[in-house]
């Protein structure tokens, strides 16, 4: 399920593969702590027909300073367990220590 990653993220050239444990219905959008092989990401949208996932993509686009179209959902449209590909992120959260 997680492509044999030994972390919550990996690099494939300039693309970041990110495993996420999503929390819909949170008070605010925020990046949380690392939990095992996933990064907790809270969004303030309801978990209803994939709306929270779309909200999360918009939030991650802002956090990584990329266009929404630069983020691809690999799996987890209606699940709390998700994986994203983020093409050429311009900014990284502190939990991801380098650009390559």
C-alpha atoms as a PDB file:
ATOM      1  CA  UNK A   1       0.000   0.000   0.000  1.00  0.00           C
ATOM      2  CA  UNK A   2       2.788   2.468   0.773  1.00  0.00           C
ATOM      3  CA  UNK A   3       5.221   1.390  -1.961  1.00  0.00           C
ATOM      4  CA  UNK A   4       7.694  -0.013   0.597  1.00  0.00           C
ATOM      5  CA  UNK A   5       8.507   3.463   1.884  1.00  0.00           C
ATOM      6  CA  UNK A   6      10.379   3.520   5.190  1.00  0.00           C
ATOM      7  CA  UNK A   7       9.215   7.048   5.962  1.00  0.00           C
ATOM      8  CA  UNK A   8       6.063   9.092   5.449  1.00  0.00           C
ATOM      9  CA  UNK A   9       7.626  10.612   2.329  1.00  0.00           C
ATOM     10  CA  UNK A  10      10.053   9.835  -0.465  1.00  0.00           C
ATOM     11  CA  UNK A  11      11.454  11.609  -3.498  1.00  0.00           C
ATOM     12  CA  UNK A  12      11.159  10.509  -7.122  1.00  0.00           C
ATOM     13  CA  UNK A  13      13.329  13.080  -8.916  1.00  0.00           C
ATOM     14  CA  UNK A  14      11.540  16.396  -8.265  1.00  0.00           C
ATOM     15  CA  UNK A  15       8.279  14.800  -7.104  1.00  0.00           C
ATOM     16  CA  UNK A  16       7.462  14.256  -3.428  1.00  0.00           C
ATOM     17  CA  UNK A  17       5.445  11.137  -2.541  1.00  0.00           C
ATOM     18  CA  UNK A  18       3.600  11.856   0.712  1.00  0.00           C
ATOM     19  CA  UNK A  19       1.613   9.443   2.906  1.00  0.00           C
ATOM     20  CA  UNK A  20      -1.086  11.231   4.888  1.00  0.00           C
ATOM     21  CA  UNK A  21      -3.347  10.349   7.787  1.00  0.00           C
ATOM     22  CA  UNK A  22      -6.202  12.768   7.237  1.00  0.00           C
ATOM     23  CA  UNK A  23      -8.453  14.223   9.903  1.00  0.00           C
ATOM     24  CA  UNK A  24     -11.592  15.807   8.461  1.00  0.00           C
ATOM     25  CA  UNK A  25     -13.835  18.128  10.449  1.00  0.00           C
ATOM     26  CA  UNK A  26     -10.966  19.686  12.422  1.00  0.00           C
ATOM     27  CA  UNK A  27     -11.141  23.195  13.872  1.00  0.00           C
ATOM     28  CA  UNK A  28      -8.467  24.418  11.475  1.00  0.00           C
ATOM     29  CA  UNK A  29      -6.342  23.279   8.559  1.00  0.00           C
ATOM     30  CA  UNK A  30      -2.893  22.283   9.767  1.00  0.00           C
ATOM     31  CA  UNK A  31      -0.029  19.873   9.350  1.00  0.00           C
ATOM     32  CA  UNK A  32       0.342  17.767  12.463  1.00  0.00           C
ATOM     33  CA  UNK A  33       2.805  15.235  13.778  1.00  0.00           C
ATOM     34  CA  UNK A  34       4.279  12.194  12.103  1.00  0.00           C
ATOM     35  CA  UNK A  35       2.430   9.001  13.016  1.00  0.00           C
ATOM     36  CA  UNK A  36       4.292   5.911  11.862  1.00  0.00           C
ATOM     37  CA  UNK A  37       4.597   6.103   8.080  1.00  0.00           C
ATOM     38  CA  UNK A  38       2.091   8.927   7.720  1.00  0.00           C
ATOM     39  CA  UNK A  39       1.956  12.673   8.265  1.00  0.00           C
ATOM     40  CA  UNK A  40      -1.166  13.859  10.061  1.00  0.00           C
ATOM     41  CA  UNK A  41      -3.012  16.557   8.155  1.00  0.00           C
ATOM     42  CA  UNK A  42      -6.135  18.166   9.615  1.00  0.00           C
ATOM     43  CA  UNK A  43      -8.721  19.929   7.465  1.00  0.00           C
ATOM     44  CA  UNK A  44     -11.812  21.838   8.509  1.00  0.00           C
ATOM     45  CA  UNK A  45     -14.044  20.297   5.831  1.00  0.00           C
ATOM     46  CA  UNK A  46     -16.563  17.541   6.424  1.00  0.00           C
ATOM     47  CA  UNK A  47     -15.814  13.992   5.295  1.00  0.00           C
ATOM     48  CA  UNK A  48     -18.597  13.869   2.750  1.00  0.00           C
ATOM     49  CA  UNK A  49     -18.203  12.387  -0.750  1.00  0.00           C
ATOM     50  CA  UNK A  50     -14.514  13.318  -1.005  1.00  0.00           C
ATOM     51  CA  UNK A  51     -14.975  16.983  -0.015  1.00  0.00           C
ATOM     52  CA  UNK A  52     -12.357  16.719   2.740  1.00  0.00           C
ATOM     53  CA  UNK A  53      -9.859  15.311   0.245  1.00  0.00           C
ATOM     54  CA  UNK A  54     -10.409  18.242  -2.125  1.00  0.00           C
ATOM     55  CA  UNK A  55     -10.032  20.633   0.811  1.00  0.00           C
ATOM     56  CA  UNK A  56      -6.794  18.850   1.761  1.00  0.00           C
ATOM     57  CA  UNK A  57      -5.414  19.185  -1.771  1.00  0.00           C
ATOM     58  CA  UNK A  58      -6.084  22.940  -1.703  1.00  0.00           C
ATOM     59  CA  UNK A  59      -4.452  23.216   1.733  1.00  0.00           C
ATOM     60  CA  UNK A  60      -1.395  21.189   0.685  1.00  0.00           C
ATOM     61  CA  UNK A  61      -1.029  23.313  -2.464  1.00  0.00           C
ATOM     62  CA  UNK A  62      -0.738  26.412  -0.262  1.00  0.00           C
ATOM     63  CA  UNK A  63       1.609  24.722   2.219  1.00  0.00           C
ATOM     64  CA  UNK A  64       3.959  23.418  -0.483  1.00  0.00           C
ATOM     65  CA  UNK A  65       3.520  26.526  -2.678  1.00  0.00           C
ATOM     66  CA  UNK A  66       2.399  24.634  -5.774  1.00  0.00           C
ATOM     67  CA  UNK A  67      -0.626  24.750  -8.065  1.00  0.00           C
ATOM     68  CA  UNK A  68      -3.517  22.437  -7.250  1.00  0.00           C
ATOM     69  CA  UNK A  69      -2.793  20.723 -10.577  1.00  0.00           C
ATOM     70  CA  UNK A  70       0.701  19.829  -9.265  1.00  0.00           C
ATOM     71  CA  UNK A  71      -0.849  17.512  -6.663  1.00  0.00           C
ATOM     72  CA  UNK A  72      -2.050  14.041  -7.614  1.00  0.00           C
ATOM     73  CA  UNK A  73      -4.018  11.788  -5.288  1.00  0.00           C
ATOM     74  CA  UNK A  74      -2.601   8.262  -5.669  1.00  0.00           C
ATOM     75  CA  UNK A  75      -5.137   6.627  -3.338  1.00  0.00           C
ATOM     76  CA  UNK A  76      -7.536   7.448  -0.514  1.00  0.00           C
ATOM     77  CA  UNK A  77     -10.259   9.646  -2.055  1.00  0.00           C
ATOM     78  CA  UNK A  78     -12.763   8.628   0.647  1.00  0.00           C
ATOM     79  CA  UNK A  79     -10.347   7.236   3.255  1.00  0.00           C
ATOM     80  CA  UNK A  80      -8.309   8.818   6.029  1.00  0.00           C
ATOM     81  CA  UNK A  81      -5.261   6.994   4.601  1.00  0.00           C
ATOM     82  CA  UNK A  82      -4.044   8.859   1.541  1.00  0.00           C
ATOM     83  CA  UNK A  83      -1.033   9.185  -0.685  1.00  0.00           C
ATOM     84  CA  UNK A  84      -0.213  12.255  -2.744  1.00  0.00           C
ATOM     85  CA  UNK A  85       2.367  13.104  -5.371  1.00  0.00           C
ATOM     86  CA  UNK A  86       3.467  16.738  -5.168  1.00  0.00           C
ATOM     87  CA  UNK A  87       5.382  17.928  -8.218  1.00  0.00           C
ATOM     88  CA  UNK A  88       8.273  20.362  -7.594  1.00  0.00           C
ATOM     89  CA  UNK A  89       7.293  21.723  -4.164  1.00  0.00           C
ATOM     90  CA  UNK A  90       8.629  25.235  -3.591  1.00  0.00           C
ATOM     91  CA  UNK A  91       8.334  25.057   0.212  1.00  0.00           C
ATOM     92  CA  UNK A  92       8.496  22.170   2.689  1.00  0.00           C
ATOM     93  CA  UNK A  93       7.206  21.808   6.237  1.00  0.00           C
ATOM     94  CA  UNK A  94       9.876  21.395   8.924  1.00  0.00           C
ATOM     95  CA  UNK A  95       9.214  17.636   9.166  1.00  0.00           C
ATOM     96  CA  UNK A  96      10.589  17.193   5.638  1.00  0.00           C
ATOM     97  CA  UNK A  97      14.187  18.186   5.961  1.00  0.00           C
ATOM     98  CA  UNK A  98      15.470  18.692   2.409  1.00  0.00           C
ATOM     99  CA  UNK A  99      14.482  19.301  -1.169  1.00  0.00           C
ATOM    100  CA  UNK A 100      16.278  16.282  -2.604  1.00  0.00           C
END
